[in-house]
């Protein structure tokens, strides 16, 4: 399957245009296959974990998503405001591009 962005898809289903092509995620793939296999293993989702815990477990605990919060507030509240989930952006663009690649996640 091509890794190019399909311009006919709604914005929410397109690749994250802020990332280089090699690091974009294909939203048309089934969830278990969605993570770009060109990324180093440490930056991929752990597909063996339940969906709620699937974000990279190699990150320090303080940088992981807070699973006890409601979905809308799940991003780590200990991070500075500038690095938290930006609620004012459209869903497809909501992840803060100032975070290092290892901490950026696409909506699932």
PDB file of N, CA and C in Angstrom:
ATOM      1  N   UNK A   1       0.839  -1.190   0.000  1.00  0.00           N
ATOM      2  CA  UNK A   1       0.000   0.000   0.000  1.00  0.00           C
ATOM      3  C   UNK A   1       0.886   1.256   0.000  1.00  0.00           C
ATOM      4  N   UNK A   2       0.476   2.202  -0.766  1.00  0.00           N
ATOM      5  CA  UNK A   2       1.256   3.432  -0.861  1.00  0.00           C
ATOM      6  C   UNK A   2       1.276   4.171   0.468  1.00  0.00           C
ATOM      7  N   UNK A   3       2.372   4.876   0.710  1.00  0.00           N
ATOM      8  CA  UNK A   3       2.470   5.689   1.910  1.00  0.00           C
ATOM      9  C   UNK A   3       2.172   7.150   1.618  1.00  0.00           C
ATOM     10  N   UNK A   4       1.730   7.426   0.409  1.00  0.00           N
ATOM     11  CA  UNK A   4       1.430   8.817   0.064  1.00  0.00           C
ATOM     12  C   UNK A   4       0.064   9.225   0.585  1.00  0.00           C
ATOM     13  N   UNK A   5      -0.069  10.489   0.832  1.00  0.00           N
ATOM     14  CA  UNK A   5      -1.316  11.011   1.364  1.00  0.00           C
ATOM     15  C   UNK A   5      -2.386  11.019   0.278  1.00  0.00           C
ATOM     16  N   UNK A   6      -3.576  10.531   0.617  1.00  0.00           N
ATOM     17  CA  UNK A   6      -4.691  10.517  -0.317  1.00  0.00           C
ATOM     18  C   UNK A   6      -5.503  11.789  -0.124  1.00  0.00           C
ATOM     19  N   UNK A   7      -5.404  12.681  -1.091  1.00  0.00           N
ATOM     20  CA  UNK A   7      -6.046  13.994  -0.965  1.00  0.00           C
ATOM     21  C   UNK A   7      -7.567  13.921  -1.047  1.00  0.00           C
ATOM     22  N   UNK A   8      -8.103  12.771  -1.430  1.00  0.00           N
ATOM     23  CA  UNK A   8      -9.559  12.618  -1.498  1.00  0.00           C
ATOM     24  C   UNK A   8     -10.150  12.292  -0.131  1.00  0.00           C
ATOM     25  N   UNK A   9      -9.300  11.893   0.794  1.00  0.00           N
ATOM     26  CA  UNK A   9      -9.781  11.567   2.131  1.00  0.00           C
ATOM     27  C   UNK A   9     -10.037  12.839   2.921  1.00  0.00           C
ATOM     28  N   UNK A  10     -10.970  12.779   3.894  1.00  0.00           N
ATOM     29  CA  UNK A  10     -11.138  13.935   4.779  1.00  0.00           C
ATOM     30  C   UNK A  10      -9.841  14.202   5.533  1.00  0.00           C
ATOM     31  N   UNK A  11      -9.661  15.428   5.948  1.00  0.00           N
ATOM     32  CA  UNK A  11      -8.428  15.823   6.622  1.00  0.00           C
ATOM     33  C   UNK A  11      -8.102  14.915   7.797  1.00  0.00           C
ATOM     34  N   UNK A  12      -9.139  14.512   8.545  1.00  0.00           N
ATOM     35  CA  UNK A  12      -8.908  13.693   9.733  1.00  0.00           C
ATOM     36  C   UNK A  12      -8.354  12.309   9.414  1.00  0.00           C
ATOM     37  N   UNK A  13      -8.472  11.886   8.147  1.00  0.00           N
ATOM     38  CA  UNK A  13      -7.975  10.570   7.754  1.00  0.00           C
ATOM     39  C   UNK A  13      -6.682  10.648   6.956  1.00  0.00           C
ATOM     40  N   UNK A  14      -6.192  11.845   6.748  1.00  0.00           N
ATOM     41  CA  UNK A  14      -4.946  12.000   5.996  1.00  0.00           C
ATOM     42  C   UNK A  14      -3.737  11.830   6.899  1.00  0.00           C
ATOM     43  N   UNK A  15      -2.583  11.707   6.280  1.00  0.00           N
ATOM     44  CA  UNK A  15      -1.340  11.649   7.037  1.00  0.00           C
ATOM     45  C   UNK A  15      -1.110  12.977   7.761  1.00  0.00           C
ATOM     46  N   UNK A  16      -0.315  12.949   8.789  1.00  0.00           N
ATOM     47  CA  UNK A  16       0.110  14.167   9.475  1.00  0.00           C
ATOM     48  C   UNK A  16       1.119  14.874   8.570  1.00  0.00           C
ATOM     49  N   UNK A  17       0.665  15.963   7.976  1.00  0.00           N
ATOM     50  CA  UNK A  17       1.474  16.640   6.969  1.00  0.00           C
ATOM     51  C   UNK A  17       2.698  17.344   7.555  1.00  0.00           C
ATOM     52  N   UNK A  18       2.763  17.441   8.861  1.00  0.00           N
ATOM     53  CA  UNK A  18       3.920  18.094   9.485  1.00  0.00           C
ATOM     54  C   UNK A  18       5.114  17.148   9.577  1.00  0.00           C
ATOM     55  N   UNK A  19       4.844  15.847   9.437  1.00  0.00           N
ATOM     56  CA  UNK A  19       5.928  14.869   9.527  1.00  0.00           C
ATOM     57  C   UNK A  19       6.505  14.586   8.154  1.00  0.00           C
ATOM     58  N   UNK A  20       7.787  14.202   8.074  1.00  0.00           N
ATOM     59  CA  UNK A  20       8.334  13.780   6.784  1.00  0.00           C
ATOM     60  C   UNK A  20       7.598  12.533   6.296  1.00  0.00           C
ATOM     61  N   UNK A  21       7.567  12.336   5.010  1.00  0.00           N
ATOM     62  CA  UNK A  21       6.814  11.223   4.412  1.00  0.00           C
ATOM     63  C   UNK A  21       7.140   9.891   5.077  1.00  0.00           C
ATOM     64  N   UNK A  22       8.415   9.653   5.363  1.00  0.00           N
ATOM     65  CA  UNK A  22       8.814   8.362   5.915  1.00  0.00           C
ATOM     66  C   UNK A  22       8.284   8.110   7.325  1.00  0.00           C
ATOM     67  N   UNK A  23       7.814   9.183   7.988  1.00  0.00           N
ATOM     68  CA  UNK A  23       7.340   9.033   9.363  1.00  0.00           C
ATOM     69  C   UNK A  23       5.834   9.225   9.492  1.00  0.00           C
ATOM     70  N   UNK A  24       5.151   9.322   8.366  1.00  0.00           N
ATOM     71  CA  UNK A  24       3.704   9.501   8.419  1.00  0.00           C
ATOM     72  C   UNK A  24       2.999   8.168   8.623  1.00  0.00           C
ATOM     73  N   UNK A  25       1.819   8.227   9.211  1.00  0.00           N
ATOM     74  CA  UNK A  25       1.044   7.021   9.480  1.00  0.00           C
ATOM     75  C   UNK A  25      -0.085   6.899   8.456  1.00  0.00           C
ATOM     76  N   UNK A  26      -0.339   5.678   8.019  1.00  0.00           N
ATOM     77  CA  UNK A  26      -1.385   5.443   7.036  1.00  0.00           C
ATOM     78  C   UNK A  26      -2.685   5.079   7.736  1.00  0.00           C
ATOM     79  N   UNK A  27      -3.608   6.021   7.733  1.00  0.00           N
ATOM     80  CA  UNK A  27      -4.851   5.835   8.471  1.00  0.00           C
ATOM     81  C   UNK A  27      -5.799   4.821   7.822  1.00  0.00           C
ATOM     82  N   UNK A  28      -5.494   4.404   6.608  1.00  0.00           N
ATOM     83  CA  UNK A  28      -6.372   3.433   5.947  1.00  0.00           C
ATOM     84  C   UNK A  28      -6.029   1.997   6.320  1.00  0.00           C
ATOM     85  N   UNK A  29      -4.880   1.799   6.907  1.00  0.00           N
ATOM     86  CA  UNK A  29      -4.490   0.455   7.332  1.00  0.00           C
ATOM     87  C   UNK A  29      -5.253   0.057   8.594  1.00  0.00           C
ATOM     88  N   UNK A  30      -5.459  -1.259   8.798  1.00  0.00           N
ATOM     89  CA  UNK A  30      -6.046  -1.691  10.075  1.00  0.00           C
ATOM     90  C   UNK A  30      -5.150  -1.243  11.226  1.00  0.00           C
ATOM     91  N   UNK A  31      -5.745  -1.033  12.370  1.00  0.00           N
ATOM     92  CA  UNK A  31      -5.019  -0.492  13.518  1.00  0.00           C
ATOM     93  C   UNK A  31      -3.707  -1.224  13.805  1.00  0.00           C
ATOM     94  N   UNK A  32      -3.678  -2.559  13.797  1.00  0.00           N
ATOM     95  CA  UNK A  32      -2.405  -3.230  14.129  1.00  0.00           C
ATOM     96  C   UNK A  32      -1.290  -2.974  13.128  1.00  0.00           C
ATOM     97  N   UNK A  33      -1.655  -2.542  11.933  1.00  0.00           N
ATOM     98  CA  UNK A  33      -0.644  -2.316  10.896  1.00  0.00           C
ATOM     99  C   UNK A  33      -0.353  -0.839  10.682  1.00  0.00           C
ATOM    100  N   UNK A  34      -1.002   0.001  11.457  1.00  0.00           N
ATOM    101  CA  UNK A  34      -0.987   1.430  11.171  1.00  0.00           C
ATOM    102  C   UNK A  34       0.337   2.118  11.437  1.00  0.00           C
ATOM    103  N   UNK A  35       1.120   1.597  12.339  1.00  0.00           N
ATOM    104  CA  UNK A  35       2.352   2.270  12.730  1.00  0.00           C
ATOM    105  C   UNK A  35       3.409   2.094  11.642  1.00  0.00           C
ATOM    106  N   UNK A  36       4.035   3.185  11.263  1.00  0.00           N
ATOM    107  CA  UNK A  36       5.015   3.153  10.179  1.00  0.00           C
ATOM    108  C   UNK A  36       6.206   2.266  10.522  1.00  0.00           C
ATOM    109  N   UNK A  37       6.389   1.242   9.720  1.00  0.00           N
ATOM    110  CA  UNK A  37       7.432   0.264  10.003  1.00  0.00           C
ATOM    111  C   UNK A  37       8.831   0.785   9.710  1.00  0.00           C
ATOM    112  N   UNK A  38       8.931   1.966   9.147  1.00  0.00           N
ATOM    113  CA  UNK A  38      10.266   2.546   8.931  1.00  0.00           C
ATOM    114  C   UNK A  38      10.800   3.220  10.178  1.00  0.00           C
ATOM    115  N   UNK A  39       9.929   3.431  11.151  1.00  0.00           N
ATOM    116  CA  UNK A  39      10.382   4.028  12.409  1.00  0.00           C
ATOM    117  C   UNK A  39      11.201   3.016  13.192  1.00  0.00           C
ATOM    118  N   UNK A  40      12.170   3.481  13.993  1.00  0.00           N
ATOM    119  CA  UNK A  40      12.875   2.550  14.874  1.00  0.00           C
ATOM    120  C   UNK A  40      11.873   1.860  15.810  1.00  0.00           C
ATOM    121  N   UNK A  41      12.201   0.673  16.211  1.00  0.00           N
ATOM    122  CA  UNK A  41      11.300  -0.098  17.066  1.00  0.00           C
ATOM    123  C   UNK A  41      10.866   0.681  18.295  1.00  0.00           C
ATOM    124  N   UNK A  42      11.785   1.456  18.862  1.00  0.00           N
ATOM    125  CA  UNK A  42      11.471   2.204  20.079  1.00  0.00           C
ATOM    126  C   UNK A  42      10.387   3.262  19.883  1.00  0.00           C
ATOM    127  N   UNK A  43      10.111   3.631  18.615  1.00  0.00           N
ATOM    128  CA  UNK A  43       9.106   4.655  18.350  1.00  0.00           C
ATOM    129  C   UNK A  43       7.798   4.065  17.852  1.00  0.00           C
ATOM    130  N   UNK A  44       7.719   2.757  17.729  1.00  0.00           N
ATOM    131  CA  UNK A  44       6.491   2.130  17.258  1.00  0.00           C
ATOM    132  C   UNK A  44       5.564   1.846  18.426  1.00  0.00           C
ATOM    133  N   UNK A  45       4.282   1.706  18.111  1.00  0.00           N
ATOM    134  CA  UNK A  45       3.337   1.280  19.136  1.00  0.00           C
ATOM    135  C   UNK A  45       3.599  -0.181  19.479  1.00  0.00           C
ATOM    136  N   UNK A  46       3.401  -0.549  20.716  1.00  0.00           N
ATOM    137  CA  UNK A  46       3.513  -1.946  21.125  1.00  0.00           C
ATOM    138  C   UNK A  46       2.158  -2.600  20.891  1.00  0.00           C
ATOM    139  N   UNK A  47       2.057  -3.379  19.806  1.00  0.00           N
ATOM    140  CA  UNK A  47       0.775  -3.943  19.405  1.00  0.00           C
ATOM    141  C   UNK A  47       0.289  -5.047  20.343  1.00  0.00           C
ATOM    142  N   UNK A  48       1.139  -5.511  21.237  1.00  0.00           N
ATOM    143  CA  UNK A  48       0.724  -6.570  22.155  1.00  0.00           C
ATOM    144  C   UNK A  48      -0.084  -6.025  23.315  1.00  0.00           C
ATOM    145  N   UNK A  49      -0.012  -4.714  23.524  1.00  0.00           N
ATOM    146  CA  UNK A  49      -0.713  -4.106  24.647  1.00  0.00           C
ATOM    147  C   UNK A  49      -2.152  -3.790  24.272  1.00  0.00           C
ATOM    148  N   UNK A  50      -3.053  -3.718  25.266  1.00  0.00           N
ATOM    149  CA  UNK A  50      -4.419  -3.250  24.974  1.00  0.00           C
ATOM    150  C   UNK A  50      -4.364  -1.826  24.416  1.00  0.00           C
ATOM    151  N   UNK A  51      -5.355  -1.471  23.668  1.00  0.00           N
ATOM    152  CA  UNK A  51      -5.368  -0.162  23.013  1.00  0.00           C
ATOM    153  C   UNK A  51      -5.098   0.981  23.984  1.00  0.00           C
ATOM    154  N   UNK A  52      -5.689   0.907  25.162  1.00  0.00           N
ATOM    155  CA  UNK A  52      -5.540   1.997  26.127  1.00  0.00           C
ATOM    156  C   UNK A  52      -4.113   2.150  26.648  1.00  0.00           C
ATOM    157  N   UNK A  53      -3.315   1.105  26.494  1.00  0.00           N
ATOM    158  CA  UNK A  53      -1.948   1.140  27.006  1.00  0.00           C
ATOM    159  C   UNK A  53      -0.908   1.078  25.896  1.00  0.00           C
ATOM    160  N   UNK A  54      -1.353   1.283  24.671  1.00  0.00           N
ATOM    161  CA  UNK A  54      -0.503   0.981  23.527  1.00  0.00           C
ATOM    162  C   UNK A  54       0.607   1.986  23.270  1.00  0.00           C
ATOM    163  N   UNK A  55       0.559   3.152  23.864  1.00  0.00           N
ATOM    164  CA  UNK A  55       1.602   4.132  23.608  1.00  0.00           C
ATOM    165  C   UNK A  55       2.933   3.662  24.188  1.00  0.00           C
ATOM    166  N   UNK A  56       3.988   4.080  23.561  1.00  0.00           N
ATOM    167  CA  UNK A  56       5.328   3.542  23.817  1.00  0.00           C
ATOM    168  C   UNK A  56       5.689   3.417  25.302  1.00  0.00           C
ATOM    169  N   UNK A  57       5.823   2.187  25.716  1.00  0.00           N
ATOM    170  CA  UNK A  57       6.094   1.910  27.123  1.00  0.00           C
ATOM    171  C   UNK A  57       7.557   2.125  27.496  1.00  0.00           C
ATOM    172  N   UNK A  58       8.387   2.397  26.522  1.00  0.00           N
ATOM    173  CA  UNK A  58       9.798   2.661  26.825  1.00  0.00           C
ATOM    174  C   UNK A  58      10.023   4.095  27.274  1.00  0.00           C
ATOM    175  N   UNK A  59       9.010   4.926  27.111  1.00  0.00           N
ATOM    176  CA  UNK A  59       9.124   6.304  27.591  1.00  0.00           C
ATOM    177  C   UNK A  59       9.108   6.306  29.115  1.00  0.00           C
ATOM    178  N   UNK A  60       9.758   7.301  29.732  1.00  0.00           N
ATOM    179  CA  UNK A  60       9.642   7.415  31.188  1.00  0.00           C
ATOM    180  C   UNK A  60       8.164   7.577  31.573  1.00  0.00           C
ATOM    181  N   UNK A  61       7.823   7.059  32.719  1.00  0.00           N
ATOM    182  CA  UNK A  61       6.429   7.093  33.158  1.00  0.00           C
ATOM    183  C   UNK A  61       5.849   8.502  33.108  1.00  0.00           C
ATOM    184  N   UNK A  62       6.653   9.502  33.459  1.00  0.00           N
ATOM    185  CA  UNK A  62       6.164  10.876  33.509  1.00  0.00           C
ATOM    186  C   UNK A  62       5.765  11.424  32.137  1.00  0.00           C
ATOM    187  N   UNK A  63       6.243  10.759  31.063  1.00  0.00           N
ATOM    188  CA  UNK A  63       5.930  11.235  29.715  1.00  0.00           C
ATOM    189  C   UNK A  63       4.873  10.385  29.013  1.00  0.00           C
ATOM    190  N   UNK A  64       4.378   9.374  29.691  1.00  0.00           N
ATOM    191  CA  UNK A  64       3.338   8.539  29.091  1.00  0.00           C
ATOM    192  C   UNK A  64       1.978   9.187  29.262  1.00  0.00           C
ATOM    193  N   UNK A  65       1.023   8.708  28.492  1.00  0.00           N
ATOM    194  CA  UNK A  65      -0.347   9.190  28.642  1.00  0.00           C
ATOM    195  C   UNK A  65      -0.887   8.750  29.995  1.00  0.00           C
ATOM    196  N   UNK A  66      -1.704   9.589  30.592  1.00  0.00           N
ATOM    197  CA  UNK A  66      -2.304   9.270  31.878  1.00  0.00           C
ATOM    198  C   UNK A  66      -3.617   8.527  31.648  1.00  0.00           C
ATOM    199  N   UNK A  67      -3.585   7.220  31.869  1.00  0.00           N
ATOM    200  CA  UNK A  67      -4.734   6.384  31.539  1.00  0.00           C
ATOM    201  C   UNK A  67      -5.913   6.567  32.489  1.00  0.00           C
ATOM    202  N   UNK A  68      -5.702   7.279  33.593  1.00  0.00           N
ATOM    203  CA  UNK A  68      -6.788   7.460  34.554  1.00  0.00           C
ATOM    204  C   UNK A  68      -7.665   8.662  34.219  1.00  0.00           C
ATOM    205  N   UNK A  69      -7.180   9.502  33.328  1.00  0.00           N
ATOM    206  CA  UNK A  69      -7.951  10.690  32.960  1.00  0.00           C
ATOM    207  C   UNK A  69      -8.951  10.363  31.854  1.00  0.00           C
ATOM    208  N   UNK A  70     -10.018  11.153  31.724  1.00  0.00           N
ATOM    209  CA  UNK A  70     -10.917  10.986  30.572  1.00  0.00           C
ATOM    210  C   UNK A  70     -10.130  11.186  29.279  1.00  0.00           C
ATOM    211  N   UNK A  71     -10.630  10.624  28.210  1.00  0.00           N
ATOM    212  CA  UNK A  71      -9.923  10.679  26.933  1.00  0.00           C
ATOM    213  C   UNK A  71      -9.498  12.097  26.565  1.00  0.00           C
ATOM    214  N   UNK A  72     -10.374  13.054  26.793  1.00  0.00           N
ATOM    215  CA  UNK A  72     -10.071  14.434  26.408  1.00  0.00           C
ATOM    216  C   UNK A  72      -8.925  15.058  27.193  1.00  0.00           C
ATOM    217  N   UNK A  73      -8.603  14.457  28.330  1.00  0.00           N
ATOM    218  CA  UNK A  73      -7.559  15.013  29.188  1.00  0.00           C
ATOM    219  C   UNK A  73      -6.380  14.070  29.364  1.00  0.00           C
ATOM    220  N   UNK A  74      -6.285  13.055  28.521  1.00  0.00           N
ATOM    221  CA  UNK A  74      -5.344  11.968  28.764  1.00  0.00           C
ATOM    222  C   UNK A  74      -3.878  12.332  28.608  1.00  0.00           C
ATOM    223  N   UNK A  75      -3.574  13.394  27.964  1.00  0.00           N
ATOM    224  CA  UNK A  75      -2.172  13.738  27.787  1.00  0.00           C
ATOM    225  C   UNK A  75      -1.579  14.219  29.109  1.00  0.00           C
ATOM    226  N   UNK A  76      -0.360  13.850  29.340  1.00  0.00           N
ATOM    227  CA  UNK A  76       0.289  14.062  30.634  1.00  0.00           C
ATOM    228  C   UNK A  76       0.213  15.499  31.126  1.00  0.00           C
ATOM    229  N   UNK A  77      -0.474  15.665  32.227  1.00  0.00           N
ATOM    230  CA  UNK A  77      -0.695  16.995  32.772  1.00  0.00           C
ATOM    231  C   UNK A  77       0.540  17.568  33.461  1.00  0.00           C
ATOM    232  N   UNK A  78       1.594  16.766  33.596  1.00  0.00           N
ATOM    233  CA  UNK A  78       2.823  17.265  34.208  1.00  0.00           C
ATOM    234  C   UNK A  78       3.713  17.991  33.206  1.00  0.00           C
ATOM    235  N   UNK A  79       3.414  17.828  31.936  1.00  0.00           N
ATOM    236  CA  UNK A  79       4.191  18.533  30.919  1.00  0.00           C
ATOM    237  C   UNK A  79       3.810  20.003  30.918  1.00  0.00           C
ATOM    238  N   UNK A  80       4.725  20.886  30.501  1.00  0.00           N
ATOM    239  CA  UNK A  80       4.341  22.299  30.365  1.00  0.00           C
ATOM    240  C   UNK A  80       3.181  22.435  29.383  1.00  0.00           C
ATOM    241  N   UNK A  81       2.382  23.444  29.580  1.00  0.00           N
ATOM    242  CA  UNK A  81       1.197  23.645  28.755  1.00  0.00           C
ATOM    243  C   UNK A  81       1.522  23.615  27.264  1.00  0.00           C
ATOM    244  N   UNK A  82       2.659  24.182  26.894  1.00  0.00           N
ATOM    245  CA  UNK A  82       3.026  24.255  25.476  1.00  0.00           C
ATOM    246  C   UNK A  82       3.257  22.885  24.844  1.00  0.00           C
ATOM    247  N   UNK A  83       3.466  21.858  25.698  1.00  0.00           N
ATOM    248  CA  UNK A  83       3.721  20.527  25.173  1.00  0.00           C
ATOM    249  C   UNK A  83       2.526  19.596  25.312  1.00  0.00           C
ATOM    250  N   UNK A  84       1.442  20.089  25.841  1.00  0.00           N
ATOM    251  CA  UNK A  84       0.248  19.261  25.984  1.00  0.00           C
ATOM    252  C   UNK A  84      -0.550  19.238  24.694  1.00  0.00           C
ATOM    253  N   UNK A  85      -1.523  18.363  24.688  1.00  0.00           N
ATOM    254  CA  UNK A  85      -2.466  18.238  23.580  1.00  0.00           C
ATOM    255  C   UNK A  85      -3.156  19.591  23.359  1.00  0.00           C
ATOM    256  N   UNK A  86      -3.152  20.093  22.130  1.00  0.00           N
ATOM    257  CA  UNK A  86      -3.740  21.396  21.838  1.00  0.00           C
ATOM    258  C   UNK A  86      -5.196  21.233  21.432  1.00  0.00           C
ATOM    259  N   UNK A  87      -6.102  21.576  22.355  1.00  0.00           N
ATOM    260  CA  UNK A  87      -7.534  21.365  22.124  1.00  0.00           C
ATOM    261  C   UNK A  87      -8.133  22.307  21.090  1.00  0.00           C
ATOM    262  N   UNK A  88      -7.381  23.336  20.719  1.00  0.00           N
ATOM    263  CA  UNK A  88      -7.934  24.319  19.790  1.00  0.00           C
ATOM    264  C   UNK A  88      -7.676  23.953  18.336  1.00  0.00           C
ATOM    265  N   UNK A  89      -6.833  22.971  18.120  1.00  0.00           N
ATOM    266  CA  UNK A  89      -6.522  22.555  16.755  1.00  0.00           C
ATOM    267  C   UNK A  89      -7.504  21.490  16.306  1.00  0.00           C
ATOM    268  N   UNK A  90      -7.701  21.316  14.987  1.00  0.00           N
ATOM    269  CA  UNK A  90      -8.521  20.200  14.517  1.00  0.00           C
ATOM    270  C   UNK A  90      -7.900  18.879  14.982  1.00  0.00           C
ATOM    271  N   UNK A  91      -8.748  17.888  15.148  1.00  0.00           N
ATOM    272  CA  UNK A  91      -8.283  16.602  15.665  1.00  0.00           C
ATOM    273  C   UNK A  91      -7.077  16.072  14.901  1.00  0.00           C
ATOM    274  N   UNK A  92      -7.105  16.193  13.584  1.00  0.00           N
ATOM    275  CA  UNK A  92      -6.034  15.621  12.768  1.00  0.00           C
ATOM    276  C   UNK A  92      -4.688  16.305  12.975  1.00  0.00           C
ATOM    277  N   UNK A  93      -4.707  17.519  13.531  1.00  0.00           N
ATOM    278  CA  UNK A  93      -3.470  18.279  13.712  1.00  0.00           C
ATOM    279  C   UNK A  93      -3.147  18.522  15.175  1.00  0.00           C
ATOM    280  N   UNK A  94      -3.857  17.844  16.060  1.00  0.00           N
ATOM    281  CA  UNK A  94      -3.843  18.226  17.457  1.00  0.00           C
ATOM    282  C   UNK A  94      -2.554  17.933  18.200  1.00  0.00           C
ATOM    283  N   UNK A  95      -1.736  17.031  17.714  1.00  0.00           N
ATOM    284  CA  UNK A  95      -0.560  16.656  18.487  1.00  0.00           C
ATOM    285  C   UNK A  95       0.545  17.696  18.317  1.00  0.00           C
ATOM    286  N   UNK A  96       1.110  18.103  19.422  1.00  0.00           N
ATOM    287  CA  UNK A  96       2.062  19.219  19.429  1.00  0.00           C
ATOM    288  C   UNK A  96       3.349  18.871  18.685  1.00  0.00           C
ATOM    289  N   UNK A  97       3.589  19.609  17.633  1.00  0.00           N
ATOM    290  CA  UNK A  97       4.736  19.322  16.778  1.00  0.00           C
ATOM    291  C   UNK A  97       6.060  19.747  17.399  1.00  0.00           C
ATOM    292  N   UNK A  98       6.007  20.392  18.555  1.00  0.00           N
ATOM    293  CA  UNK A  98       7.253  20.758  19.233  1.00  0.00           C
ATOM    294  C   UNK A  98       7.808  19.611  20.064  1.00  0.00           C
ATOM    295  N   UNK A  99       6.992  18.583  20.262  1.00  0.00           N
ATOM    296  CA  UNK A  99       7.487  17.424  20.995  1.00  0.00           C
ATOM    297  C   UNK A  99       8.471  16.657  20.134  1.00  0.00           C
ATOM    298  N   UNK A 100       9.427  15.964  20.749  1.00  0.00           N
ATOM    299  CA  UNK A 100      10.300  15.095  19.952  1.00  0.00           C
ATOM    300  C   UNK A 100       9.466  14.007  19.287  1.00  0.00           C
ATOM    301  N   UNK A 101       9.951  13.484  18.186  1.00  0.00           N
ATOM    302  CA  UNK A 101       9.196  12.483  17.431  1.00  0.00           C
ATOM    303  C   UNK A 101       8.728  11.334  18.307  1.00  0.00           C
ATOM    304  N   UNK A 102       9.549  10.919  19.256  1.00  0.00           N
ATOM    305  CA  UNK A 102       9.190   9.774  20.088  1.00  0.00           C
ATOM    306  C   UNK A 102       7.959  10.031  20.953  1.00  0.00           C
ATOM    307  N   UNK A 103       7.594  11.309  21.114  1.00  0.00           N
ATOM    308  CA  UNK A 103       6.450  11.646  21.958  1.00  0.00           C
ATOM    309  C   UNK A 103       5.236  12.080  21.154  1.00  0.00           C
ATOM    310  N   UNK A 104       5.351  12.082  19.828  1.00  0.00           N
ATOM    311  CA  UNK A 104       4.210  12.475  19.004  1.00  0.00           C
ATOM    312  C   UNK A 104       3.365  11.246  18.701  1.00  0.00           C
ATOM    313  N   UNK A 105       2.069  11.374  18.807  1.00  0.00           N
ATOM    314  CA  UNK A 105       1.167  10.268  18.501  1.00  0.00           C
ATOM    315  C   UNK A 105       0.027  10.775  17.631  1.00  0.00           C
ATOM    316  N   UNK A 106      -0.418   9.935  16.723  1.00  0.00           N
ATOM    317  CA  UNK A 106      -1.579  10.272  15.925  1.00  0.00           C
ATOM    318  C   UNK A 106      -2.845   9.808  16.631  1.00  0.00           C
ATOM    319  N   UNK A 107      -3.965  10.470  16.380  1.00  0.00           N
ATOM    320  CA  UNK A 107      -5.220  10.013  16.982  1.00  0.00           C
ATOM    321  C   UNK A 107      -5.539   8.591  16.531  1.00  0.00           C
ATOM    322  N   UNK A 108      -6.092   7.827  17.422  1.00  0.00           N
ATOM    323  CA  UNK A 108      -6.514   6.452  17.091  1.00  0.00           C
ATOM    324  C   UNK A 108      -8.023   6.382  17.173  1.00  0.00           C
TER     325      UNK A 108
END
